[in-house]
Amino acid sequence: MDHLTNLSCTDPTEYHTTKEAGTPLRAFALSFLMILGSEVGDKTFLIAAVLAMRQSRVRIFVAAMAAMVVMSVLSAELGHLLPNLLPRRLVDLLAAALFVVFGLLMLREGWKMSVDEQYKELEEVRAELEEKEWRENGGGKQAFEMEVGASNNDSHDAEDQYPRTRPGTFGSRLRAMGRRIHGILRTLLSPVFLQTFVLVFLAEWGDRSQFATIALAAAQDVTWTTIGTIAGHAVCTGLAVIGGRLLAQRISVRTVTLAGAVLFELFGLIYLYAFLTESAAVSESTP
């Protein structure tokens, strides 16, 4: 009792931090499941799926994951700052309210979703991307063929920049390193990579998964929340680029949305329980 009294009197966040310490598995599991429940069939999922039908799957995956990693780190760090600005119990209460509200919205969305709506959304994303590419390049197909042609000439360009030397020499190793660096820079600076990065980042900004990541990082271990979020995005993005169109046609987005709604409501109850438990502990410790 004295221990709780000391904690509540010195730092409103210390009790919760001590309680949650040593639970990296919980933080990882909650964030990983949250991403799976909210991202499968989402707009970012469909964007990666459509782009992977026309471009290199590896390039689309790397670009999309780069955007997801940046977004996950920013969101987790923002959530990590909240306990320094607000009392920990208030953070738990806000997190509970956030998950409950998003869960109800997802429940409403899934309940009203028709069977054909998921196919319409996929085609809408595809048409939107094609129109955007046409406006920017004056013809998406021509721009794509130029990009493919440029990629096929990468090795020839590298050959010209790094002259041949005898195998096993320092020059040959330097030349091989230069070719690898050249390939990496060309990939990172390619229009396809930049377009995918920007599209995914903007689609994810303000999404419910971003706010959920902020809420989780505010109440859980920030490092493992970030790792779990990135791992969840890696699974979803991998599924999207490998067989996104097939998955969109086979899986029921309505079922996934309803399952995600139930998951969000469960998270809301977990944080509500944490808020009530901590409030009771503080009340008991108050003379």
Protein backbone atom coordinates (compact mmCIF):
# COMPACT_ATOMS: atom_id res chain seq x y z
CA MET A 1 0.00 0.00 0.00
CA ASP A 2 2.79 2.39 0.88
CA HIS A 3 4.44 1.52 -2.42
CA LEU A 4 1.30 2.51 -4.34
CA THR A 5 0.97 5.68 -2.31
CA ASN A 6 4.49 6.74 -3.11
CA LEU A 7 3.99 6.07 -6.79
CA SER A 8 0.73 8.00 -6.99
CA CYS A 9 2.16 10.96 -5.14
CA THR A 10 5.35 11.35 -7.11
CA ASP A 11 4.59 10.65 -10.74
CA PRO A 12 1.17 9.87 -12.24
CA THR A 13 2.80 7.80 -14.99
CA GLU A 14 5.18 5.77 -12.85
CA TYR A 15 2.64 3.25 -11.55
CA HIS A 16 1.47 2.37 -15.02
CA THR A 17 4.99 2.20 -16.40
CA THR A 18 6.00 -0.23 -13.65
CA LYS A 19 2.91 -2.29 -14.26
CA GLU A 20 3.43 -2.52 -18.00
CA ALA A 21 7.18 -3.08 -17.87
CA GLY A 22 8.34 -6.46 -19.03
CA THR A 23 5.38 -7.07 -21.36
CA PRO A 24 6.91 -6.74 -24.83
CA LEU A 25 4.94 -9.75 -26.08
CA ARG A 26 1.68 -8.04 -25.18
CA ALA A 27 2.66 -4.84 -26.98
CA PHE A 28 3.79 -6.80 -30.04
CA ALA A 29 0.68 -9.00 -30.15
CA LEU A 30 -1.78 -6.13 -29.73
CA SER A 31 -0.16 -3.97 -32.41
CA PHE A 32 0.31 -6.89 -34.82
CA LEU A 33 -3.31 -8.03 -34.51
CA MET A 34 -4.55 -4.45 -34.75
CA ILE A 35 -2.83 -3.97 -38.11
CA LEU A 36 -4.11 -7.28 -39.47
CA GLY A 37 -7.63 -6.42 -38.40
CA SER A 38 -7.63 -2.94 -39.91
CA GLU A 39 -5.38 -3.10 -42.99
CA VAL A 40 -6.44 -6.23 -44.91
CA GLY A 41 -8.68 -5.00 -47.70
CA ASP A 42 -8.04 -1.34 -46.78
CA LYS A 43 -7.20 1.30 -49.38
CA THR A 44 -3.45 0.99 -48.80
CA PHE A 45 -3.79 -2.76 -49.32
CA LEU A 46 -5.61 -2.20 -52.61
CA ILE A 47 -3.10 0.43 -53.78
CA ALA A 48 -0.20 -1.99 -53.28
CA ALA A 49 -2.16 -4.77 -54.97
CA VAL A 50 -3.01 -2.72 -58.06
CA LEU A 51 0.51 -1.29 -58.45
CA ALA A 52 2.04 -4.76 -58.09
CA MET A 53 -0.04 -5.96 -61.05
CA ARG A 54 1.79 -3.54 -63.35
CA GLN A 55 5.19 -3.02 -61.74
CA SER A 56 7.89 -5.06 -60.05
CA ARG A 57 6.45 -6.71 -56.94
CA VAL A 58 9.73 -6.33 -55.07
CA ARG A 59 9.94 -2.62 -55.87
CA ILE A 60 6.33 -2.00 -54.85
CA PHE A 61 6.79 -3.96 -51.62
CA VAL A 62 9.97 -2.07 -50.68
CA ALA A 63 8.41 1.32 -51.48
CA ALA A 64 5.18 0.58 -49.62
CA MET A 65 7.04 -0.79 -46.61
CA ALA A 66 9.31 2.26 -46.55
CA ALA A 67 6.21 4.43 -46.24
CA MET A 68 4.73 2.12 -43.60
CA VAL A 69 7.92 2.12 -41.53
CA VAL A 70 8.11 5.92 -41.55
CA MET A 71 4.44 6.18 -40.62
CA SER A 72 4.72 3.55 -37.88
CA VAL A 73 7.75 5.20 -36.27
CA LEU A 74 6.16 8.67 -36.37
CA SER A 75 2.86 7.40 -34.93
CA ALA A 76 4.52 5.36 -32.19
CA GLU A 77 6.77 8.24 -31.15
CA LEU A 78 3.77 10.57 -31.04
CA GLY A 79 1.96 8.10 -28.81
CA HIS A 80 5.06 7.77 -26.64
CA LEU A 81 4.99 11.52 -25.99
CA LEU A 82 1.38 11.58 -24.79
CA PRO A 83 2.06 10.24 -21.25
CA ASN A 84 4.46 13.14 -20.76
CA LEU A 85 1.69 15.59 -21.62
CA LEU A 86 -1.32 13.88 -20.03
CA PRO A 87 -1.87 11.71 -16.93
CA ARG A 88 -1.50 8.02 -17.71
CA ARG A 89 -5.02 7.16 -16.60
CA LEU A 90 -6.41 9.78 -18.97
CA VAL A 91 -4.33 8.29 -21.79
CA ASP A 92 -5.85 4.86 -21.07
CA LEU A 93 -9.35 6.34 -21.04
CA LEU A 94 -8.75 8.14 -24.35
CA ALA A 95 -7.32 4.97 -25.88
CA ALA A 96 -10.37 3.00 -24.74
CA ALA A 97 -12.73 5.60 -26.21
CA LEU A 98 -10.75 5.68 -29.47
CA PHE A 99 -10.87 1.92 -29.96
CA VAL A 100 -14.56 1.72 -29.05
CA VAL A 101 -15.50 4.50 -31.49
CA PHE A 102 -13.42 3.07 -34.35
CA GLY A 103 -14.80 -0.38 -33.60
CA LEU A 104 -18.37 0.90 -33.85
CA LEU A 105 -17.58 2.69 -37.11
CA MET A 106 -16.02 -0.48 -38.55
CA LEU A 107 -19.02 -2.49 -37.36
CA ARG A 108 -21.37 -0.10 -39.12
CA GLU A 109 -19.22 -0.12 -42.26
CA GLY A 110 -19.04 -3.92 -42.37
CA TRP A 111 -22.73 -4.36 -41.63
CA LYS A 112 -23.77 -2.10 -44.51
CA MET A 113 -21.16 -3.47 -46.93
CA SER A 114 -22.61 -5.32 -49.92
CA VAL A 115 -21.06 -8.38 -51.53
CA ASP A 116 -20.06 -6.49 -54.69
CA GLU A 117 -18.71 -3.43 -52.89
CA GLN A 118 -15.22 -4.87 -52.41
CA TYR A 119 -14.88 -5.49 -56.16
CA LYS A 120 -16.11 -1.98 -56.91
CA GLU A 121 -13.57 -0.49 -54.50
CA LEU A 122 -10.75 -2.45 -56.13
CA GLU A 123 -11.74 -1.21 -59.58
CA GLU A 124 -12.12 2.35 -58.28
CA VAL A 125 -8.59 2.30 -56.88
CA ARG A 126 -7.29 0.85 -60.13
CA ALA A 127 -9.07 3.49 -62.24
CA GLU A 128 -7.90 6.27 -59.92
CA LEU A 129 -4.26 5.19 -60.21
CA GLU A 130 -4.47 4.83 -63.99
CA GLU A 131 -6.01 8.30 -64.33
CA LYS A 132 -3.35 9.81 -62.07
CA GLU A 133 -0.55 8.17 -64.04
CA TRP A 134 -2.06 9.30 -67.34
CA ARG A 135 -2.28 12.92 -66.18
CA GLU A 136 1.28 12.96 -64.89
CA ASN A 137 2.96 11.13 -67.76
CA GLY A 138 0.71 11.79 -70.72
CA GLY A 139 0.06 8.08 -71.06
CA GLY A 140 0.60 5.50 -68.36
CA LYS A 141 1.47 2.63 -70.64
CA GLN A 142 4.14 4.59 -72.50
CA ALA A 143 5.69 5.78 -69.23
CA PHE A 144 5.70 2.25 -67.87
CA GLU A 145 7.39 0.89 -71.00
CA MET A 146 10.01 3.63 -70.74
CA GLU A 147 10.59 2.71 -67.09
CA VAL A 148 10.96 -0.98 -67.94
CA GLY A 149 13.33 -0.14 -70.77
CA ALA A 150 15.42 2.01 -68.48
CA SER A 151 15.54 -0.77 -65.91
CA ASN A 152 16.70 -3.26 -68.51
CA ASN A 153 19.55 -0.92 -69.42
CA ASP A 154 20.73 -0.57 -65.81
CA SER A 155 23.42 -3.18 -66.24
CA HIS A 156 24.71 -1.55 -69.43
CA ASP A 157 24.88 1.86 -67.75
CA ALA A 158 26.73 0.39 -64.83
CA GLU A 159 29.15 -1.36 -67.19
CA ASP A 160 29.99 1.98 -68.80
CA GLN A 161 30.48 3.75 -65.48
CA TYR A 162 32.61 1.02 -63.92
CA PRO A 163 35.16 -0.35 -66.45
CA ARG A 164 36.06 -4.02 -66.51
CA THR A 165 38.97 -5.25 -64.45
CA ARG A 166 40.44 -8.65 -63.84
CA PRO A 167 38.51 -10.92 -61.41
CA GLY A 168 39.80 -11.08 -57.86
CA THR A 169 41.44 -7.65 -57.92
CA PHE A 170 40.59 -4.70 -55.73
CA GLY A 171 39.24 -2.94 -58.80
CA SER A 172 36.76 -5.73 -59.52
CA ARG A 173 35.41 -5.62 -55.98
CA LEU A 174 35.15 -1.84 -56.15
CA ARG A 175 33.35 -2.11 -59.47
CA ALA A 176 30.88 -4.65 -58.04
CA MET A 177 30.20 -2.39 -55.07
CA GLY A 178 29.64 0.55 -57.38
CA ARG A 179 27.13 -1.42 -59.42
CA ARG A 180 25.21 -2.38 -56.30
CA ILE A 181 25.12 1.21 -55.06
CA HIS A 182 24.08 2.35 -58.52
CA GLY A 183 21.21 -0.14 -58.55
CA ILE A 184 20.01 0.82 -55.09
CA LEU A 185 20.05 4.55 -55.85
CA ARG A 186 18.27 4.00 -59.15
CA THR A 187 15.57 2.01 -57.37
CA LEU A 188 15.11 4.55 -54.58
CA LEU A 189 15.00 7.50 -56.97
CA SER A 190 12.85 5.84 -59.62
CA PRO A 191 9.42 7.37 -60.38
CA VAL A 192 7.72 4.08 -59.52
CA PHE A 193 9.30 3.93 -56.06
CA LEU A 194 8.55 7.58 -55.26
CA GLN A 195 4.99 7.33 -56.55
CA THR A 196 4.27 4.23 -54.47
CA PHE A 197 5.85 5.75 -51.36
CA VAL A 198 3.81 8.97 -51.64
CA LEU A 199 0.52 7.21 -52.45
CA VAL A 200 0.80 4.75 -49.57
CA PHE A 201 2.00 7.39 -47.09
CA LEU A 202 -0.84 9.79 -47.92
CA ALA A 203 -3.42 6.98 -47.85
CA GLU A 204 -2.17 5.87 -44.43
CA TRP A 205 -2.01 9.38 -42.95
CA GLY A 206 -5.12 9.95 -40.83
CA ASP A 207 -6.21 6.32 -41.22
CA ARG A 208 -7.69 4.51 -38.24
CA SER A 209 -4.61 2.30 -37.98
CA GLN A 210 -2.46 5.41 -37.44
CA PHE A 211 -4.60 6.60 -34.53
CA ALA A 212 -4.71 3.07 -33.15
CA THR A 213 -0.90 2.91 -33.28
CA ILE A 214 -0.70 6.20 -31.38
CA ALA A 215 -3.08 4.86 -28.74
CA LEU A 216 -1.18 1.58 -28.36
CA ALA A 217 2.21 3.28 -28.12
CA ALA A 218 0.85 5.61 -25.45
CA ALA A 219 -0.04 2.70 -23.16
CA GLN A 220 2.36 -0.08 -24.22
CA ASP A 221 6.07 -0.51 -24.80
CA VAL A 222 6.81 1.86 -27.68
CA THR A 223 9.61 -0.23 -29.18
CA TRP A 224 7.62 -3.44 -29.37
CA THR A 225 4.52 -1.57 -30.49
CA THR A 226 6.54 -0.19 -33.39
CA ILE A 227 7.96 -3.63 -34.22
CA GLY A 228 4.53 -5.25 -34.07
CA THR A 229 3.01 -2.54 -36.26
CA ILE A 230 5.77 -2.87 -38.87
CA ALA A 231 5.47 -6.68 -38.80
CA GLY A 232 1.72 -6.43 -39.35
CA HIS A 233 2.20 -4.04 -42.26
CA ALA A 234 4.84 -6.37 -43.74
CA VAL A 235 2.38 -9.29 -43.70
CA CYS A 236 -0.47 -7.24 -45.19
CA THR A 237 1.71 -5.58 -47.84
CA GLY A 238 3.30 -8.92 -48.72
CA LEU A 239 -0.12 -10.48 -49.22
CA ALA A 240 -1.16 -7.48 -51.32
CA VAL A 241 1.78 -7.55 -53.73
CA ILE A 242 1.88 -11.35 -54.06
CA GLY A 243 -1.78 -11.98 -54.71
CA GLY A 244 -3.73 -8.88 -53.82
CA ARG A 245 -6.25 -9.09 -56.64
CA LEU A 246 -6.89 -12.78 -56.04
CA LEU A 247 -7.27 -12.19 -52.31
CA ALA A 248 -9.61 -9.26 -52.90
CA GLN A 249 -11.78 -11.53 -55.02
CA ARG A 250 -11.64 -14.57 -52.73
CA ILE A 251 -11.75 -13.18 -49.19
CA SER A 252 -14.77 -11.40 -47.78
CA VAL A 253 -13.78 -7.86 -46.91
CA ARG A 254 -17.06 -7.62 -45.02
CA THR A 255 -16.02 -10.51 -42.76
CA VAL A 256 -12.55 -9.02 -42.24
CA THR A 257 -14.06 -5.63 -41.39
CA LEU A 258 -16.48 -7.13 -38.88
CA ALA A 259 -13.67 -9.17 -37.31
CA GLY A 260 -11.56 -6.01 -37.08
CA ALA A 261 -14.48 -4.23 -35.41
CA VAL A 262 -14.72 -6.96 -32.77
CA LEU A 263 -10.95 -6.76 -32.25
CA PHE A 264 -11.08 -2.99 -31.77
CA GLU A 265 -13.92 -3.32 -29.26
CA LEU A 266 -11.84 -5.90 -27.37
CA PHE A 267 -8.92 -3.47 -27.25
CA GLY A 268 -11.28 -0.80 -25.96
CA LEU A 269 -12.39 -3.08 -23.13
CA ILE A 270 -8.76 -3.89 -22.27
CA TYR A 271 -7.87 -0.22 -21.90
CA LEU A 272 -11.09 0.54 -20.05
CA TYR A 273 -10.23 -2.23 -17.59
CA ALA A 274 -6.73 -0.78 -17.19
CA PHE A 275 -8.21 2.66 -16.50
CA LEU A 276 -10.65 1.32 -13.89
CA THR A 277 -7.98 -0.82 -12.22
CA GLU A 278 -5.53 2.05 -11.92
CA SER A 279 -8.25 4.42 -10.71
CA ALA A 280 -9.21 1.94 -7.99
CA ALA A 281 -5.57 1.49 -6.97
CA VAL A 282 -5.04 5.24 -6.70
CA SER A 283 -8.28 5.66 -4.71
CA GLU A 284 -7.26 2.94 -2.25
CA SER A 285 -3.84 4.51 -1.79
CA THR A 286 -5.30 7.95 -1.08
CA PRO A 287 -5.72 8.56 2.68
